[in-house]
Amino acid sequence: MKYFQELKYTEMSEILETSEGALKASYHIAVKKIEAFLSEY
């Protein structure tokens, strides 16, 4: 949503019905998992 639809965290938090902080934390964790996966190959 952040990159493809160019939404801000506040807009995404309203759509997903979660707090902005939780959304940022989830995003950070997802980025780390993707980096770890890509570094394996």
PDB file of N, CA and C in Angstrom:
ATOM      1  N   MET A   1       0.821  -1.186   0.000  1.00  0.00           N
ATOM      2  CA  MET A   1       0.000   0.000   0.000  1.00  0.00           C
ATOM      3  C   MET A   1       0.866   1.251   0.000  1.00  0.00           C
ATOM      4  N   LYS A   2       1.956   1.171   0.741  1.00  0.00           N
ATOM      5  CA  LYS A   2       2.824   2.343   0.856  1.00  0.00           C
ATOM      6  C   LYS A   2       3.451   2.705  -0.480  1.00  0.00           C
ATOM      7  N   TYR A   3       3.927   1.727  -1.202  1.00  0.00           N
ATOM      8  CA  TYR A   3       4.637   2.016  -2.447  1.00  0.00           C
ATOM      9  C   TYR A   3       3.742   1.968  -3.679  1.00  0.00           C
ATOM     10  N   PHE A   4       2.843   1.008  -3.738  1.00  0.00           N
ATOM     11  CA  PHE A   4       2.030   0.854  -4.938  1.00  0.00           C
ATOM     12  C   PHE A   4       0.904   1.872  -5.016  1.00  0.00           C
ATOM     13  N   GLN A   5       0.311   2.182  -3.876  1.00  0.00           N
ATOM     14  CA  GLN A   5      -0.785   3.150  -3.872  1.00  0.00           C
ATOM     15  C   GLN A   5      -0.349   4.500  -3.322  1.00  0.00           C
ATOM     16  N   GLU A   6       0.906   4.584  -2.905  1.00  0.00           N
ATOM     17  CA  GLU A   6       1.505   5.809  -2.376  1.00  0.00           C
ATOM     18  C   GLU A   6       0.690   6.430  -1.243  1.00  0.00           C
ATOM     19  N   LEU A   7       0.254   5.572  -0.302  1.00  0.00           N
ATOM     20  CA  LEU A   7      -0.497   6.044   0.846  1.00  0.00           C
ATOM     21  C   LEU A   7       0.444   6.372   1.990  1.00  0.00           C
ATOM     22  N   LYS A   8       0.035   7.290   2.833  1.00  0.00           N
ATOM     23  CA  LYS A   8       0.791   7.630   4.034  1.00  0.00           C
ATOM     24  C   LYS A   8       0.404   6.657   5.140  1.00  0.00           C
ATOM     25  N   TYR A   9       1.242   6.577   6.180  1.00  0.00           N
ATOM     26  CA  TYR A   9       0.962   5.665   7.281  1.00  0.00           C
ATOM     27  C   TYR A   9      -0.382   5.984   7.936  1.00  0.00           C
ATOM     28  N   THR A  10      -0.718   7.261   8.057  1.00  0.00           N
ATOM     29  CA  THR A  10      -1.998   7.620   8.678  1.00  0.00           C
ATOM     30  C   THR A  10      -3.170   7.106   7.854  1.00  0.00           C
ATOM     31  N   GLU A  11      -3.071   7.202   6.539  1.00  0.00           N
ATOM     32  CA  GLU A  11      -4.137   6.700   5.668  1.00  0.00           C
ATOM     33  C   GLU A  11      -4.248   5.184   5.747  1.00  0.00           C
ATOM     34  N   MET A  12      -3.098   4.509   5.760  1.00  0.00           N
ATOM     35  CA  MET A  12      -3.113   3.049   5.850  1.00  0.00           C
ATOM     36  C   MET A  12      -3.665   2.580   7.189  1.00  0.00           C
ATOM     37  N   SER A  13      -3.335   3.292   8.266  1.00  0.00           N
ATOM     38  CA  SER A  13      -3.828   2.884   9.582  1.00  0.00           C
ATOM     39  C   SER A  13      -5.347   3.005   9.671  1.00  0.00           C
ATOM     40  N   GLU A  14      -5.925   3.988   9.003  1.00  0.00           N
ATOM     41  CA  GLU A  14      -7.385   4.114   8.980  1.00  0.00           C
ATOM     42  C   GLU A  14      -8.018   2.972   8.196  1.00  0.00           C
ATOM     43  N   ILE A  15      -7.428   2.641   7.048  1.00  0.00           N
ATOM     44  CA  ILE A  15      -7.964   1.561   6.214  1.00  0.00           C
ATOM     45  C   ILE A  15      -7.867   0.216   6.933  1.00  0.00           C
ATOM     46  N   LEU A  16      -6.721  -0.034   7.550  1.00  0.00           N
ATOM     47  CA  LEU A  16      -6.479  -1.323   8.199  1.00  0.00           C
ATOM     48  C   LEU A  16      -6.986  -1.372   9.640  1.00  0.00           C
ATOM     49  N   GLU A  17      -7.503  -0.250  10.131  1.00  0.00           N
ATOM     50  CA  GLU A  17      -8.036  -0.146  11.488  1.00  0.00           C
ATOM     51  C   GLU A  17      -7.016  -0.575  12.534  1.00  0.00           C
ATOM     52  N   THR A  18      -5.836   0.005  12.467  1.00  0.00           N
ATOM     53  CA  THR A  18      -4.778  -0.252  13.431  1.00  0.00           C
ATOM     54  C   THR A  18      -4.082   1.067  13.725  1.00  0.00           C
ATOM     55  N   SER A  19      -3.235   1.061  14.731  1.00  0.00           N
ATOM     56  CA  SER A  19      -2.532   2.298  15.065  1.00  0.00           C
ATOM     57  C   SER A  19      -1.375   2.519  14.096  1.00  0.00           C
ATOM     58  N   GLU A  20      -0.978   3.750  13.991  1.00  0.00           N
ATOM     59  CA  GLU A  20       0.127   4.095  13.098  1.00  0.00           C
ATOM     60  C   GLU A  20       1.429   3.454  13.590  1.00  0.00           C
ATOM     61  N   GLY A  21       1.625   3.415  14.893  1.00  0.00           N
ATOM     62  CA  GLY A  21       2.824   2.804  15.472  1.00  0.00           C
ATOM     63  C   GLY A  21       2.916   1.317  15.174  1.00  0.00           C
ATOM     64  N   ALA A  22       1.787   0.622  15.307  1.00  0.00           N
ATOM     65  CA  ALA A  22       1.770  -0.818  15.016  1.00  0.00           C
ATOM     66  C   ALA A  22       2.059  -1.066  13.549  1.00  0.00           C
ATOM     67  N   LEU A  23       1.551  -0.202  12.702  1.00  0.00           N
ATOM     68  CA  LEU A  23       1.765  -0.328  11.271  1.00  0.00           C
ATOM     69  C   LEU A  23       3.243  -0.144  10.925  1.00  0.00           C
ATOM     70  N   LYS A  24       3.869   0.853  11.525  1.00  0.00           N
ATOM     71  CA  LYS A  24       5.295   1.096  11.277  1.00  0.00           C
ATOM     72  C   LYS A  24       6.136  -0.067  11.786  1.00  0.00           C
ATOM     73  N   ALA A  25       5.768  -0.625  12.932  1.00  0.00           N
ATOM     74  CA  ALA A  25       6.501  -1.761  13.486  1.00  0.00           C
ATOM     75  C   ALA A  25       6.375  -2.975  12.567  1.00  0.00           C
ATOM     76  N   SER A  26       5.173  -3.237  12.085  1.00  0.00           N
ATOM     77  CA  SER A  26       4.958  -4.367  11.178  1.00  0.00           C
ATOM     78  C   SER A  26       5.745  -4.186   9.887  1.00  0.00           C
ATOM     79  N   TYR A  27       5.769  -2.967   9.390  1.00  0.00           N
ATOM     80  CA  TYR A  27       6.523  -2.663   8.170  1.00  0.00           C
ATOM     81  C   TYR A  27       8.011  -2.921   8.394  1.00  0.00           C
ATOM     82  N   HIS A  28       8.529  -2.475   9.523  1.00  0.00           N
ATOM     83  CA  HIS A  28       9.950  -2.648   9.827  1.00  0.00           C
ATOM     84  C   HIS A  28      10.298  -4.138   9.924  1.00  0.00           C
ATOM     85  N   ILE A  29       9.464  -4.907  10.578  1.00  0.00           N
ATOM     86  CA  ILE A  29       9.698  -6.347  10.707  1.00  0.00           C
ATOM     87  C   ILE A  29       9.660  -7.020   9.336  1.00  0.00           C
ATOM     88  N   ALA A  30       8.712  -6.632   8.500  1.00  0.00           N
ATOM     89  CA  ALA A  30       8.603  -7.218   7.159  1.00  0.00           C
ATOM     90  C   ALA A  30       9.837  -6.910   6.324  1.00  0.00           C
ATOM     91  N   VAL A  31      10.340  -5.698   6.410  1.00  0.00           N
ATOM     92  CA  VAL A  31      11.538  -5.314   5.665  1.00  0.00           C
ATOM     93  C   VAL A  31      12.722  -6.165   6.108  1.00  0.00           C
ATOM     94  N   LYS A  32      12.867  -6.372   7.406  1.00  0.00           N
ATOM     95  CA  LYS A  32      13.969  -7.185   7.923  1.00  0.00           C
ATOM     96  C   LYS A  32      13.858  -8.633   7.448  1.00  0.00           C
ATOM     97  N   LYS A  33      12.642  -9.179   7.405  1.00  0.00           N
ATOM     98  CA  LYS A  33      12.457 -10.555   6.932  1.00  0.00           C
ATOM     99  C   LYS A  33      12.797 -10.679   5.450  1.00  0.00           C
ATOM    100  N   ILE A  34      12.416  -9.700   4.669  1.00  0.00           N
ATOM    101  CA  ILE A  34      12.732  -9.714   3.235  1.00  0.00           C
ATOM    102  C   ILE A  34      14.239  -9.609   3.030  1.00  0.00           C
ATOM    103  N   GLU A  35      14.889  -8.733   3.779  1.00  0.00           N
ATOM    104  CA  GLU A  35      16.352  -8.598   3.677  1.00  0.00           C
ATOM    105  C   GLU A  35      17.042  -9.913   4.037  1.00  0.00           C
ATOM    106  N   ALA A  36      16.576 -10.564   5.092  1.00  0.00           N
ATOM    107  CA  ALA A  36      17.177 -11.835   5.510  1.00  0.00           C
ATOM    108  C   ALA A  36      16.969 -12.910   4.443  1.00  0.00           C
ATOM    109  N   PHE A  37      15.791 -12.952   3.857  1.00  0.00           N
ATOM    110  CA  PHE A  37      15.508 -13.925   2.801  1.00  0.00           C
ATOM    111  C   PHE A  37      16.392 -13.683   1.575  1.00  0.00           C
ATOM    112  N   LEU A  38      16.522 -12.441   1.173  1.00  0.00           N
ATOM    113  CA  LEU A  38      17.321 -12.132  -0.003  1.00  0.00           C
ATOM    114  C   LEU A  38      18.817 -12.329   0.213  1.00  0.00           C
ATOM    115  N   SER A  39      19.263 -12.181   1.444  1.00  0.00           N
ATOM    116  CA  SER A  39      20.684 -12.351   1.714  1.00  0.00           C
ATOM    117  C   SER A  39      21.095 -13.833   1.683  1.00  0.00           C
ATOM    118  N   GLU A  40      20.124 -14.741   1.741  1.00  0.00           N
ATOM    119  CA  GLU A  40      20.413 -16.174   1.668  1.00  0.00           C
ATOM    120  C   GLU A  40      20.807 -16.591   0.260  1.00  0.00           C
ATOM    121  N   TYR A  41      20.434 -15.813  -0.747  1.00  0.00           N
ATOM    122  CA  TYR A  41      20.665 -16.216  -2.128  1.00  0.00           C
ATOM    123  C   TYR A  41      21.641 -15.326  -2.821  1.00  0.00           C
TER     124      TYR A  41
END
